[in-house]
Amino acid sequence: MSTTTANAAPAMVPHTRTEDAVAIGVGVTLISVGVAFLASAGLLTGGMAGLAFVLHYATGIGFGKLFFALNLPFYWLALRKLGLAFTLKTFAAVALLSVLSELQSQFLQISELQPLYAAITGGLIMGMGFLVLFRHRCSLGGVGIMALYLQDRFGWRAGKVQMAVDCCIVLAALVTVEPLRVLWSVISAVALNLVLAMNHRPGRYMAV
């Protein structure tokens, strides 16, 4: 066997539609649990979810409704830059998370959760959920769409892009949220995006 053949990269194997559907369900379920952890401790997260949390705490409107509405403008970018399949999968994921977030209290009730534990564990759980979605060419809209576009276009790692934007969004919440909760929320955003930065790099995951 020649060196060229031995070192050849394995052929990319596309995910099936069934695998994509299952992955969206798994990823969104993990993220919804992470959201429940943060909400139970009064914490925030980054991206459109973070903005939805801020507006939820300020207005009392349901997180799911706000999250769905905030993501609507980003589907145009997704459709133009990342394709119809990505856009449809992302819309499905956003809609599913919006529904699960509204119904979460019927499935999961947390009476007490220490804020630092909620921040770290919730961030890690959400990070794993995002990782599942990203590996199936799907996101939860907003910052996720931008991060994946920049990774495809310029090679910037999606985890690092999302970490920077998420931390800025959480810090901006100082206007309406007390500093200690913002600190825990920054820790959560870092935990979430460390999962992505270490596990979602161009060339490291071959299937599409």
C-alpha atoms as a PDB file:
ATOM      1  CA  MET A   1       0.000   0.000   0.000  1.00  0.00           C
ATOM      2  CA  SER A   2       1.415   3.382  -0.948  1.00  0.00           C
ATOM      3  CA  THR A   3       2.022   6.184   1.535  1.00  0.00           C
ATOM      4  CA  THR A   4      -0.456   8.361  -0.346  1.00  0.00           C
ATOM      5  CA  THR A   5      -3.200   5.753  -0.046  1.00  0.00           C
ATOM      6  CA  ALA A   6      -2.442   5.040   3.602  1.00  0.00           C
ATOM      7  CA  ASN A   7      -2.574   8.715   4.511  1.00  0.00           C
ATOM      8  CA  ALA A   8      -5.653   9.518   2.430  1.00  0.00           C
ATOM      9  CA  ALA A   9      -8.486  11.112   4.371  1.00  0.00           C
ATOM     10  CA  PRO A  10     -11.557   8.918   4.834  1.00  0.00           C
ATOM     11  CA  ALA A  11     -14.490   9.657   2.578  1.00  0.00           C
ATOM     12  CA  MET A  12     -17.078  12.001   4.073  1.00  0.00           C
ATOM     13  CA  VAL A  13     -20.329  10.209   4.848  1.00  0.00           C
ATOM     14  CA  PRO A  14     -23.417  12.462   4.882  1.00  0.00           C
ATOM     15  CA  HIS A  15     -25.895  12.157   7.721  1.00  0.00           C
ATOM     16  CA  THR A  16     -29.269  10.756   6.738  1.00  0.00           C
ATOM     17  CA  ARG A  17     -32.453  12.748   7.278  1.00  0.00           C
ATOM     18  CA  THR A  18     -33.399  10.359  10.073  1.00  0.00           C
ATOM     19  CA  GLU A  19     -30.052  10.937  11.789  1.00  0.00           C
ATOM     20  CA  ASP A  20     -30.500  14.694  11.432  1.00  0.00           C
ATOM     21  CA  ALA A  21     -34.004  14.535  12.924  1.00  0.00           C
ATOM     22  CA  VAL A  22     -32.840  12.427  15.877  1.00  0.00           C
ATOM     23  CA  ALA A  23     -29.840  14.721  16.415  1.00  0.00           C
ATOM     24  CA  ILE A  24     -32.073  17.808  16.497  1.00  0.00           C
ATOM     25  CA  GLY A  25     -34.266  16.126  19.115  1.00  0.00           C
ATOM     26  CA  VAL A  26     -31.264  15.077  21.225  1.00  0.00           C
ATOM     27  CA  GLY A  27     -29.463  18.417  20.934  1.00  0.00           C
ATOM     28  CA  VAL A  28     -32.511  20.544  21.691  1.00  0.00           C
ATOM     29  CA  THR A  29     -33.495  18.348  24.649  1.00  0.00           C
ATOM     30  CA  LEU A  30     -30.025  18.763  26.183  1.00  0.00           C
ATOM     31  CA  ILE A  31     -30.141  22.510  25.628  1.00  0.00           C
ATOM     32  CA  SER A  32     -33.620  22.773  27.153  1.00  0.00           C
ATOM     33  CA  VAL A  33     -32.342  21.066  30.319  1.00  0.00           C
ATOM     34  CA  GLY A  34     -29.406  23.484  30.462  1.00  0.00           C
ATOM     35  CA  VAL A  35     -31.810  26.408  30.027  1.00  0.00           C
ATOM     36  CA  ALA A  36     -33.914  25.059  32.905  1.00  0.00           C
ATOM     37  CA  PHE A  37     -30.804  24.919  35.134  1.00  0.00           C
ATOM     38  CA  LEU A  38     -29.934  28.539  34.365  1.00  0.00           C
ATOM     39  CA  ALA A  39     -33.514  29.771  34.719  1.00  0.00           C
ATOM     40  CA  SER A  40     -33.912  28.045  38.098  1.00  0.00           C
ATOM     41  CA  ALA A  41     -30.911  30.024  39.402  1.00  0.00           C
ATOM     42  CA  GLY A  42     -31.945  33.276  37.736  1.00  0.00           C
ATOM     43  CA  LEU A  43     -28.932  33.218  35.405  1.00  0.00           C
ATOM     44  CA  LEU A  44     -28.394  34.186  31.788  1.00  0.00           C
ATOM     45  CA  THR A  45     -26.628  32.742  28.791  1.00  0.00           C
ATOM     46  CA  GLY A  46     -25.266  34.146  25.556  1.00  0.00           C
ATOM     47  CA  GLY A  47     -26.678  34.552  22.064  1.00  0.00           C
ATOM     48  CA  MET A  48     -30.347  35.008  21.305  1.00  0.00           C
ATOM     49  CA  ALA A  49     -31.136  32.858  24.333  1.00  0.00           C
ATOM     50  CA  GLY A  50     -29.329  35.414  26.494  1.00  0.00           C
ATOM     51  CA  LEU A  51     -31.313  38.293  25.036  1.00  0.00           C
ATOM     52  CA  ALA A  52     -34.487  36.267  25.495  1.00  0.00           C
ATOM     53  CA  PHE A  53     -33.579  35.704  29.162  1.00  0.00           C
ATOM     54  CA  VAL A  54     -32.971  39.433  29.727  1.00  0.00           C
ATOM     55  CA  LEU A  55     -36.305  40.346  28.153  1.00  0.00           C
ATOM     56  CA  HIS A  56     -38.036  37.525  30.028  1.00  0.00           C
ATOM     57  CA  TYR A  57     -36.756  38.789  33.391  1.00  0.00           C
ATOM     58  CA  ALA A  58     -37.671  42.382  32.453  1.00  0.00           C
ATOM     59  CA  THR A  59     -41.132  41.795  30.992  1.00  0.00           C
ATOM     60  CA  GLY A  60     -42.359  38.428  32.267  1.00  0.00           C
ATOM     61  CA  ILE A  61     -43.059  37.247  28.713  1.00  0.00           C
ATOM     62  CA  GLY A  62     -42.281  33.548  28.254  1.00  0.00           C
ATOM     63  CA  PHE A  63     -38.694  32.707  27.287  1.00  0.00           C
ATOM     64  CA  GLY A  64     -39.838  30.420  24.461  1.00  0.00           C
ATOM     65  CA  LYS A  65     -41.961  33.082  22.778  1.00  0.00           C
ATOM     66  CA  LEU A  66     -39.188  35.688  22.967  1.00  0.00           C
ATOM     67  CA  PHE A  67     -36.534  33.248  21.756  1.00  0.00           C
ATOM     68  CA  PHE A  68     -38.563  32.286  18.702  1.00  0.00           C
ATOM     69  CA  ALA A  69     -39.314  35.918  17.774  1.00  0.00           C
ATOM     70  CA  LEU A  70     -35.724  37.153  18.197  1.00  0.00           C
ATOM     71  CA  ASN A  71     -34.408  34.520  15.798  1.00  0.00           C
ATOM     72  CA  LEU A  72     -36.723  35.362  12.913  1.00  0.00           C
ATOM     73  CA  PRO A  73     -34.446  37.986  11.246  1.00  0.00           C
ATOM     74  CA  PHE A  74     -31.494  35.575  11.076  1.00  0.00           C
ATOM     75  CA  TYR A  75     -33.155  33.057   8.769  1.00  0.00           C
ATOM     76  CA  TRP A  76     -32.490  35.320   5.791  1.00  0.00           C
ATOM     77  CA  LEU A  77     -28.718  35.175   6.458  1.00  0.00           C
ATOM     78  CA  ALA A  78     -28.892  31.431   6.982  1.00  0.00           C
ATOM     79  CA  LEU A  79     -30.774  30.887   3.733  1.00  0.00           C
ATOM     80  CA  ARG A  80     -28.383  33.049   1.672  1.00  0.00           C
ATOM     81  CA  LYS A  81     -25.079  31.911   3.172  1.00  0.00           C
ATOM     82  CA  LEU A  82     -25.624  28.403   4.575  1.00  0.00           C
ATOM     83  CA  GLY A  83     -28.339  26.912   2.371  1.00  0.00           C
ATOM     84  CA  LEU A  84     -31.922  25.732   2.551  1.00  0.00           C
ATOM     85  CA  ALA A  85     -31.231  22.484   4.434  1.00  0.00           C
ATOM     86  CA  PHE A  86     -29.343  24.309   7.222  1.00  0.00           C
ATOM     87  CA  THR A  87     -32.090  26.936   7.447  1.00  0.00           C
ATOM     88  CA  LEU A  88     -34.906  24.387   7.700  1.00  0.00           C
ATOM     89  CA  LYS A  89     -33.063  22.350  10.354  1.00  0.00           C
ATOM     90  CA  THR A  90     -32.303  25.499  12.333  1.00  0.00           C
ATOM     91  CA  PHE A  91     -35.923  26.675  12.149  1.00  0.00           C
ATOM     92  CA  ALA A  92     -37.061  23.253  13.397  1.00  0.00           C
ATOM     93  CA  ALA A  93     -34.549  23.350  16.279  1.00  0.00           C
ATOM     94  CA  VAL A  94     -35.561  26.882  17.316  1.00  0.00           C
ATOM     95  CA  ALA A  95     -39.257  26.010  17.186  1.00  0.00           C
ATOM     96  CA  LEU A  96     -38.707  22.824  19.211  1.00  0.00           C
ATOM     97  CA  LEU A  97     -36.676  24.619  21.890  1.00  0.00           C
ATOM     98  CA  SER A  98     -39.331  27.340  22.102  1.00  0.00           C
ATOM     99  CA  VAL A  99     -42.014  24.713  22.728  1.00  0.00           C
ATOM    100  CA  LEU A 100     -39.913  22.671  25.170  1.00  0.00           C
ATOM    101  CA  SER A 101     -38.993  25.789  27.140  1.00  0.00           C
ATOM    102  CA  GLU A 102     -42.645  26.677  27.560  1.00  0.00           C
ATOM    103  CA  LEU A 103     -43.509  23.120  28.671  1.00  0.00           C
ATOM    104  CA  GLN A 104     -40.345  22.426  30.696  1.00  0.00           C
ATOM    105  CA  SER A 105     -41.945  23.144  34.059  1.00  0.00           C
ATOM    106  CA  GLN A 106     -44.339  20.250  33.474  1.00  0.00           C
ATOM    107  CA  PHE A 107     -41.458  17.804  33.012  1.00  0.00           C
ATOM    108  CA  LEU A 108     -38.723  19.196  35.262  1.00  0.00           C
ATOM    109  CA  GLN A 109     -39.141  21.017  38.560  1.00  0.00           C
ATOM    110  CA  ILE A 110     -36.064  22.226  40.466  1.00  0.00           C
ATOM    111  CA  SER A 111     -36.669  23.495  43.963  1.00  0.00           C
ATOM    112  CA  GLU A 112     -33.122  24.641  44.747  1.00  0.00           C
ATOM    113  CA  LEU A 113     -29.897  24.846  42.743  1.00  0.00           C
ATOM    114  CA  GLN A 114     -26.641  26.504  43.812  1.00  0.00           C
ATOM    115  CA  PRO A 115     -25.840  29.274  41.259  1.00  0.00           C
ATOM    116  CA  LEU A 116     -22.237  28.271  40.511  1.00  0.00           C
ATOM    117  CA  TYR A 117     -23.225  24.635  40.006  1.00  0.00           C
ATOM    118  CA  ALA A 118     -26.139  25.720  37.825  1.00  0.00           C
ATOM    119  CA  ALA A 119     -23.807  27.921  35.769  1.00  0.00           C
ATOM    120  CA  ILE A 120     -21.146  25.275  35.141  1.00  0.00           C
ATOM    121  CA  THR A 121     -23.410  22.259  34.729  1.00  0.00           C
ATOM    122  CA  GLY A 122     -26.022  24.127  32.719  1.00  0.00           C
ATOM    123  CA  GLY A 123     -23.320  25.552  30.458  1.00  0.00           C
ATOM    124  CA  LEU A 124     -21.728  22.149  29.871  1.00  0.00           C
ATOM    125  CA  ILE A 125     -25.073  20.499  29.108  1.00  0.00           C
ATOM    126  CA  MET A 126     -25.973  23.261  26.675  1.00  0.00           C
ATOM    127  CA  GLY A 127     -22.520  23.026  25.084  1.00  0.00           C
ATOM    128  CA  MET A 128     -23.030  19.329  24.385  1.00  0.00           C
ATOM    129  CA  GLY A 129     -26.433  20.089  22.897  1.00  0.00           C
ATOM    130  CA  PHE A 130     -24.981  22.760  20.610  1.00  0.00           C
ATOM    131  CA  LEU A 131     -22.192  20.380  19.606  1.00  0.00           C
ATOM    132  CA  VAL A 132     -24.745  17.788  18.474  1.00  0.00           C
ATOM    133  CA  LEU A 133     -26.585  20.418  16.434  1.00  0.00           C
ATOM    134  CA  PHE A 134     -23.445  21.909  14.871  1.00  0.00           C
ATOM    135  CA  ARG A 135     -22.205  18.498  13.765  1.00  0.00           C
ATOM    136  CA  HIS A 136     -25.459  18.021  11.891  1.00  0.00           C
ATOM    137  CA  ARG A 137     -25.238  21.418  10.180  1.00  0.00           C
ATOM    138  CA  CYS A 138     -27.843  22.965  12.434  1.00  0.00           C
ATOM    139  CA  SER A 139     -27.893  25.732  15.024  1.00  0.00           C
ATOM    140  CA  LEU A 140     -30.276  27.634  17.250  1.00  0.00           C
ATOM    141  CA  GLY A 141     -30.213  30.705  15.060  1.00  0.00           C
ATOM    142  CA  GLY A 142     -28.752  34.103  15.860  1.00  0.00           C
ATOM    143  CA  VAL A 143     -25.131  33.900  16.992  1.00  0.00           C
ATOM    144  CA  GLY A 144     -24.903  30.232  16.013  1.00  0.00           C
ATOM    145  CA  ILE A 145     -25.687  31.083  12.387  1.00  0.00           C
ATOM    146  CA  MET A 146     -23.061  33.821  12.366  1.00  0.00           C
ATOM    147  CA  ALA A 147     -20.444  31.615  14.066  1.00  0.00           C
ATOM    148  CA  LEU A 148     -20.899  28.762  11.591  1.00  0.00           C
ATOM    149  CA  TYR A 149     -20.829  31.163   8.631  1.00  0.00           C
ATOM    150  CA  LEU A 150     -17.560  32.741   9.835  1.00  0.00           C
ATOM    151  CA  GLN A 151     -16.047  29.286  10.400  1.00  0.00           C
ATOM    152  CA  ASP A 152     -16.988  28.185   6.876  1.00  0.00           C
ATOM    153  CA  ARG A 153     -15.938  31.487   5.279  1.00  0.00           C
ATOM    154  CA  PHE A 154     -12.761  32.392   7.176  1.00  0.00           C
ATOM    155  CA  GLY A 155     -11.865  29.295   9.209  1.00  0.00           C
ATOM    156  CA  TRP A 156     -12.550  31.042  12.523  1.00  0.00           C
ATOM    157  CA  ARG A 157     -13.463  28.416  15.105  1.00  0.00           C
ATOM    158  CA  ALA A 158     -17.174  28.589  15.866  1.00  0.00           C
ATOM    159  CA  GLY A 159     -16.645  28.012  19.595  1.00  0.00           C
ATOM    160  CA  LYS A 160     -14.299  30.979  19.975  1.00  0.00           C
ATOM    161  CA  VAL A 161     -16.530  33.287  17.937  1.00  0.00           C
ATOM    162  CA  GLN A 162     -19.577  32.316  19.949  1.00  0.00           C
ATOM    163  CA  MET A 163     -17.680  32.605  23.246  1.00  0.00           C
ATOM    164  CA  ALA A 164     -16.636  36.197  22.477  1.00  0.00           C
ATOM    165  CA  VAL A 165     -20.128  37.271  21.421  1.00  0.00           C
ATOM    166  CA  ASP A 166     -21.803  35.427  24.306  1.00  0.00           C
ATOM    167  CA  CYS A 167     -19.588  37.060  26.923  1.00  0.00           C
ATOM    168  CA  CYS A 168     -20.352  40.504  25.445  1.00  0.00           C
ATOM    169  CA  ILE A 169     -24.095  39.822  25.560  1.00  0.00           C
ATOM    170  CA  VAL A 170     -23.958  38.568  29.142  1.00  0.00           C
ATOM    171  CA  LEU A 171     -21.849  41.547  30.262  1.00  0.00           C
ATOM    172  CA  ALA A 172     -24.341  43.897  28.600  1.00  0.00           C
ATOM    173  CA  ALA A 173     -26.955  42.478  30.962  1.00  0.00           C
ATOM    174  CA  LEU A 174     -25.311  44.456  33.801  1.00  0.00           C
ATOM    175  CA  VAL A 175     -27.803  47.180  32.940  1.00  0.00           C
ATOM    176  CA  THR A 176     -30.706  45.099  34.272  1.00  0.00           C
ATOM    177  CA  VAL A 177     -29.152  42.208  36.248  1.00  0.00           C
ATOM    178  CA  GLU A 178     -27.112  42.363  39.456  1.00  0.00           C
ATOM    179  CA  PRO A 179     -23.338  41.838  39.004  1.00  0.00           C
ATOM    180  CA  LEU A 180     -23.076  38.512  40.864  1.00  0.00           C
ATOM    181  CA  ARG A 181     -25.653  36.844  38.632  1.00  0.00           C
ATOM    182  CA  VAL A 182     -23.821  38.240  35.610  1.00  0.00           C
ATOM    183  CA  LEU A 183     -20.554  36.737  36.902  1.00  0.00           C
ATOM    184  CA  TRP A 184     -22.139  33.291  37.234  1.00  0.00           C
ATOM    185  CA  SER A 185     -23.628  33.743  33.772  1.00  0.00           C
ATOM    186  CA  VAL A 186     -20.208  34.554  32.259  1.00  0.00           C
ATOM    187  CA  ILE A 187     -18.854  31.354  33.820  1.00  0.00           C
ATOM    188  CA  SER A 188     -21.741  29.461  32.212  1.00  0.00           C
ATOM    189  CA  ALA A 189     -21.027  31.006  28.798  1.00  0.00           C
ATOM    190  CA  VAL A 190     -17.345  30.051  29.085  1.00  0.00           C
ATOM    191  CA  ALA A 191     -18.230  26.459  30.053  1.00  0.00           C
ATOM    192  CA  LEU A 192     -20.639  26.171  27.121  1.00  0.00           C
ATOM    193  CA  ASN A 193     -18.191  27.497  24.567  1.00  0.00           C
ATOM    194  CA  LEU A 194     -15.196  25.546  25.876  1.00  0.00           C
ATOM    195  CA  VAL A 195     -17.103  22.420  24.886  1.00  0.00           C
ATOM    196  CA  LEU A 196     -17.481  23.820  21.364  1.00  0.00           C
ATOM    197  CA  ALA A 197     -13.944  25.196  21.086  1.00  0.00           C
ATOM    198  CA  MET A 198     -12.394  21.840  22.041  1.00  0.00           C
ATOM    199  CA  ASN A 199     -14.718  19.601  20.044  1.00  0.00           C
ATOM    200  CA  HIS A 200     -15.905  21.497  16.966  1.00  0.00           C
ATOM    201  CA  ARG A 201     -12.929  22.326  14.727  1.00  0.00           C
ATOM    202  CA  PRO A 202     -12.698  22.293  10.928  1.00  0.00           C
ATOM    203  CA  GLY A 203     -11.329  18.960   9.735  1.00  0.00           C
ATOM    204  CA  ARG A 204     -11.722  17.167  13.052  1.00  0.00           C
ATOM    205  CA  TYR A 205     -15.197  15.779  12.366  1.00  0.00           C
ATOM    206  CA  MET A 206     -15.504  14.235   8.920  1.00  0.00           C
ATOM    207  CA  ALA A 207     -19.211  13.403   8.558  1.00  0.00           C
ATOM    208  CA  VAL A 208     -21.622  16.071   7.343  1.00  0.00           C
END
